[in-house]
C-alpha atoms as a PDB file:
ATOM      1  CA  MET A   1       8.828 -39.355 -57.459  1.00  0.00           C
ATOM      2  CA  ALA A   2      12.415 -40.579 -57.198  1.00  0.00           C
ATOM      3  CA  THR A   3      13.126 -43.850 -55.460  1.00  0.00           C
ATOM      4  CA  ASP A   4      16.590 -45.104 -54.629  1.00  0.00           C
ATOM      5  CA  MET A   5      16.951 -48.846 -55.094  1.00  0.00           C
ATOM      6  CA  THR A   6      19.723 -51.369 -55.035  1.00  0.00           C
ATOM      7  CA  LEU A   7      19.384 -53.980 -57.741  1.00  0.00           C
ATOM      8  CA  PRO A   8      19.055 -56.930 -57.830  1.00  0.00           C
ATOM      9  CA  ASP A   9      17.927 -56.780 -54.172  1.00  0.00           C
ATOM     10  CA  ASP A  10      15.038 -54.436 -54.933  1.00  0.00           C
ATOM     11  CA  LEU A  11      14.020 -55.896 -58.301  1.00  0.00           C
ATOM     12  CA  ASP A  12      10.779 -57.250 -56.816  1.00  0.00           C
ATOM     13  CA  ARG A  13      10.012 -53.826 -55.347  1.00  0.00           C
ATOM     14  CA  LEU A  14      10.617 -52.177 -58.725  1.00  0.00           C
ATOM     15  CA  VAL A  15       8.350 -54.681 -60.483  1.00  0.00           C
ATOM     16  CA  ASP A  16       5.646 -54.026 -57.864  1.00  0.00           C
ATOM     17  CA  ARG A  17       5.922 -50.327 -58.613  1.00  0.00           C
ATOM     18  CA  LEU A  18       5.737 -50.792 -62.399  1.00  0.00           C
ATOM     19  CA  VAL A  19       2.559 -52.856 -62.032  1.00  0.00           C
ATOM     20  CA  ARG A  20       1.054 -50.407 -59.514  1.00  0.00           C
ATOM     21  CA  ASP A  21       1.925 -47.323 -61.600  1.00  0.00           C
ATOM     22  CA  ALA A  22      -0.004 -48.691 -64.587  1.00  0.00           C
ATOM     23  CA  ARG A  23      -3.226 -48.850 -62.518  1.00  0.00           C
ATOM     24  CA  GLY A  24      -5.377 -50.346 -65.234  1.00  0.00           C
ATOM     25  CA  ARG A  25      -3.794 -48.309 -68.042  1.00  0.00           C
ATOM     26  CA  ARG A  26      -1.571 -49.653 -70.792  1.00  0.00           C
ATOM     27  CA  PRO A  27       1.856 -49.913 -69.111  1.00  0.00           C
ATOM     28  CA  VAL A  28       4.419 -47.675 -70.828  1.00  0.00           C
ATOM     29  CA  MET A  29       7.742 -47.810 -69.019  1.00  0.00           C
ATOM     30  CA  VAL A  30      10.698 -45.605 -69.931  1.00  0.00           C
ATOM     31  CA  LEU A  31      14.233 -46.466 -68.810  1.00  0.00           C
ATOM     32  CA  ASP A  32      17.035 -43.960 -69.421  1.00  0.00           C
ATOM     33  CA  GLY A  33      20.508 -43.452 -67.996  1.00  0.00           C
ATOM     34  CA  GLY A  34      24.112 -43.048 -68.910  1.00  0.00           C
ATOM     35  CA  SER A  35      25.914 -45.084 -71.506  1.00  0.00           C
ATOM     36  CA  GLY A  36      27.069 -48.394 -70.047  1.00  0.00           C
ATOM     37  CA  ALA A  37      24.881 -48.121 -66.931  1.00  0.00           C
ATOM     38  CA  GLY A  38      23.197 -51.479 -67.599  1.00  0.00           C
ATOM     39  CA  LYS A  39      19.864 -50.292 -69.005  1.00  0.00           C
ATOM     40  CA  THR A  40      19.549 -53.093 -71.549  1.00  0.00           C
ATOM     41  CA  ARG A  41      20.345 -55.803 -69.017  1.00  0.00           C
ATOM     42  CA  LEU A  42      17.930 -54.328 -66.470  1.00  0.00           C
ATOM     43  CA  ALA A  43      15.197 -53.962 -69.108  1.00  0.00           C
ATOM     44  CA  THR A  44      15.572 -57.621 -70.122  1.00  0.00           C
ATOM     45  CA  ARG A  45      15.301 -58.699 -66.486  1.00  0.00           C
ATOM     46  CA  LEU A  46      12.254 -56.490 -65.986  1.00  0.00           C
ATOM     47  CA  VAL A  47      10.436 -57.993 -68.967  1.00  0.00           C
ATOM     48  CA  GLY A  48      10.973 -61.484 -67.505  1.00  0.00           C
ATOM     49  CA  ALA A  49       9.951 -60.450 -64.001  1.00  0.00           C
ATOM     50  CA  LEU A  50       6.866 -58.613 -65.266  1.00  0.00           C
ATOM     51  CA  GLY A  51       5.851 -61.709 -67.218  1.00  0.00           C
ATOM     52  CA  GLU A  52       6.140 -63.783 -64.044  1.00  0.00           C
ATOM     53  CA  ARG A  53       3.776 -61.288 -62.372  1.00  0.00           C
ATOM     54  CA  GLY A  54       1.191 -61.688 -65.113  1.00  0.00           C
ATOM     55  CA  MET A  55       2.125 -58.713 -67.310  1.00  0.00           C
ATOM     56  CA  ARG A  56       2.712 -60.786 -70.423  1.00  0.00           C
ATOM     57  CA  GLY A  57       3.644 -59.610 -73.890  1.00  0.00           C
ATOM     58  CA  VAL A  58       5.781 -56.646 -72.814  1.00  0.00           C
ATOM     59  CA  GLN A  59       7.370 -55.145 -75.922  1.00  0.00           C
ATOM     60  CA  LEU A  60      11.009 -54.278 -75.247  1.00  0.00           C
ATOM     61  CA  VAL A  61      12.116 -51.426 -77.486  1.00  0.00           C
ATOM     62  CA  SER A  62      15.823 -50.683 -77.456  1.00  0.00           C
ATOM     63  CA  MET A  63      16.728 -47.287 -78.848  1.00  0.00           C
ATOM     64  CA  ASP A  64      20.000 -48.857 -80.045  1.00  0.00           C
ATOM     65  CA  SER A  65      17.857 -50.279 -82.848  1.00  0.00           C
ATOM     66  CA  PHE A  66      16.936 -46.885 -84.242  1.00  0.00           C
ATOM     67  CA  TYR A  67      19.573 -44.277 -83.363  1.00  0.00           C
ATOM     68  CA  PRO A  68      20.420 -42.876 -86.804  1.00  0.00           C
ATOM     69  CA  GLY A  69      24.184 -43.128 -86.405  1.00  0.00           C
ATOM     70  CA  TRP A  70      26.589 -42.086 -83.678  1.00  0.00           C
ATOM     71  CA  ASP A  71      25.255 -38.527 -83.621  1.00  0.00           C
ATOM     72  CA  GLY A  72      21.617 -39.621 -83.628  1.00  0.00           C
ATOM     73  CA  LEU A  73      20.608 -39.215 -79.978  1.00  0.00           C
ATOM     74  CA  GLN A  74      18.405 -36.169 -80.561  1.00  0.00           C
ATOM     75  CA  ALA A  75      16.850 -37.667 -83.706  1.00  0.00           C
ATOM     76  CA  ALA A  76      16.076 -40.948 -81.921  1.00  0.00           C
ATOM     77  CA  SER A  77      14.469 -39.096 -79.012  1.00  0.00           C
ATOM     78  CA  ALA A  78      12.330 -37.215 -81.541  1.00  0.00           C
ATOM     79  CA  MET A  79      11.061 -40.585 -82.848  1.00  0.00           C
ATOM     80  CA  LEU A  80       9.478 -41.519 -79.496  1.00  0.00           C
ATOM     81  CA  PRO A  81       6.024 -40.113 -80.344  1.00  0.00           C
ATOM     82  CA  GLU A  82       5.891 -42.583 -83.264  1.00  0.00           C
ATOM     83  CA  VAL A  83       7.165 -45.434 -81.074  1.00  0.00           C
ATOM     84  CA  LEU A  84       4.701 -44.807 -78.244  1.00  0.00           C
ATOM     85  CA  ARG A  85       1.547 -43.757 -80.059  1.00  0.00           C
ATOM     86  CA  VAL A  86      -1.506 -45.988 -79.784  1.00  0.00           C
ATOM     87  CA  HIS A  87      -2.356 -46.138 -83.505  1.00  0.00           C
ATOM     88  CA  ASP A  88       0.236 -47.824 -85.742  1.00  0.00           C
ATOM     89  CA  PRO A  89       3.245 -47.425 -83.432  1.00  0.00           C
ATOM     90  CA  GLY A  90       6.710 -48.447 -84.541  1.00  0.00           C
ATOM     91  CA  TYR A  91      10.137 -47.327 -85.615  1.00  0.00           C
ATOM     92  CA  TRP A  92      12.544 -47.551 -88.522  1.00  0.00           C
ATOM     93  CA  ARG A  93      15.466 -49.840 -87.774  1.00  0.00           C
ATOM     94  CA  TRP A  94      18.962 -48.406 -88.335  1.00  0.00           C
ATOM     95  CA  ASP A  95      21.573 -50.490 -90.167  1.00  0.00           C
ATOM     96  CA  TRP A  96      24.834 -49.494 -88.471  1.00  0.00           C
ATOM     97  CA  GLN A  97      27.052 -51.116 -91.097  1.00  0.00           C
ATOM     98  CA  ALA A  98      25.280 -49.595 -94.093  1.00  0.00           C
ATOM     99  CA  GLY A  99      24.706 -46.281 -92.291  1.00  0.00           C
ATOM    100  CA  ARG A 100      21.059 -46.046 -93.323  1.00  0.00           C
ATOM    101  CA  ARG A 101      17.487 -46.639 -92.260  1.00  0.00           C
ATOM    102  CA  THR A 102      16.045 -50.048 -93.186  1.00  0.00           C
ATOM    103  CA  ASP A 103      12.795 -51.833 -92.369  1.00  0.00           C
ATOM    104  CA  ARG A 104      10.005 -50.556 -90.152  1.00  0.00           C
ATOM    105  CA  VAL A 105       9.292 -52.475 -86.964  1.00  0.00           C
ATOM    106  CA  GLY A 106       5.618 -52.333 -86.077  1.00  0.00           C
ATOM    107  CA  LEU A 107       4.479 -52.434 -82.466  1.00  0.00           C
ATOM    108  CA  ASP A 108       1.180 -53.251 -80.780  1.00  0.00           C
ATOM    109  CA  GLY A 109      -0.393 -50.034 -79.484  1.00  0.00           C
ATOM    110  CA  ASP A 110      -2.345 -51.961 -76.848  1.00  0.00           C
ATOM    111  CA  ALA A 111       0.544 -54.026 -75.441  1.00  0.00           C
ATOM    112  CA  PRO A 112       2.712 -53.087 -72.470  1.00  0.00           C
ATOM    113  CA  THR A 113       5.868 -51.369 -73.712  1.00  0.00           C
ATOM    114  CA  LEU A 114       9.268 -50.777 -72.148  1.00  0.00           C
ATOM    115  CA  VAL A 115      11.551 -48.361 -74.000  1.00  0.00           C
ATOM    116  CA  GLU A 116      15.189 -48.317 -72.936  1.00  0.00           C
ATOM    117  CA  GLY A 117      18.121 -46.251 -74.093  1.00  0.00           C
ATOM    118  CA  CYS A 118      20.012 -43.000 -73.778  1.00  0.00           C
ATOM    119  CA  GLY A 119      17.552 -40.269 -74.669  1.00  0.00           C
ATOM    120  CA  ALA A 120      14.446 -42.339 -73.866  1.00  0.00           C
ATOM    121  CA  LEU A 121      13.239 -39.992 -71.149  1.00  0.00           C
ATOM    122  CA  THR A 122      11.809 -36.884 -72.806  1.00  0.00           C
ATOM    123  CA  ALA A 123       8.948 -34.558 -71.956  1.00  0.00           C
ATOM    124  CA  PHE A 124       6.790 -36.569 -74.357  1.00  0.00           C
ATOM    125  CA  SER A 125       7.721 -40.047 -73.064  1.00  0.00           C
ATOM    126  CA  ALA A 126       7.388 -38.929 -69.429  1.00  0.00           C
ATOM    127  CA  GLY A 127       3.931 -37.588 -70.277  1.00  0.00           C
ATOM    128  CA  VAL A 128       2.647 -40.821 -71.815  1.00  0.00           C
ATOM    129  CA  GLY A 129       4.650 -43.184 -69.627  1.00  0.00           C
ATOM    130  CA  THR A 130       3.160 -44.857 -66.597  1.00  0.00           C
ATOM    131  CA  THR A 131       6.660 -45.074 -65.067  1.00  0.00           C
ATOM    132  CA  SER A 132       9.825 -43.171 -65.951  1.00  0.00           C
ATOM    133  CA  MET A 133      13.164 -44.412 -64.626  1.00  0.00           C
ATOM    134  CA  TRP A 134      16.690 -43.006 -64.642  1.00  0.00           C
ATOM    135  CA  PHE A 135      19.189 -45.798 -64.077  1.00  0.00           C
ATOM    136  CA  VAL A 136      22.585 -45.102 -62.543  1.00  0.00           C
ATOM    137  CA  MET A 137      25.047 -47.898 -61.930  1.00  0.00           C
ATOM    138  CA  ASP A 138      27.020 -47.535 -58.711  1.00  0.00           C
ATOM    139  CA  ALA A 139      30.770 -47.826 -59.081  1.00  0.00           C
END
């Protein structure tokens, strides 16, 4: 269900929805949108606000950390099943200067997770996510 909101005015309403959507399940929140829309800033604010509401330990996963180069949108989206699985989740960090994959970042498969980035919203992530969001910044 789509919901129009004006942030920061409706930040509390969005946090209420994220908590409600989880309904006793492991919260998996997916935030996608255009480049430069403010996804990273919103995601950081959401993690803080969720913590204030008692949802502590939210893992913020930025797809910027694992896009394999400038043409890596499709490849990064294909990595989401590994990022969001329950058993041994994680991703391989991308070194932008060296142009290669580096160390693996492990995640907690039981902890609340918020994935943000262009390409984060896929059929897979929408299927496992408790909330999927498309963020558009008004001009």
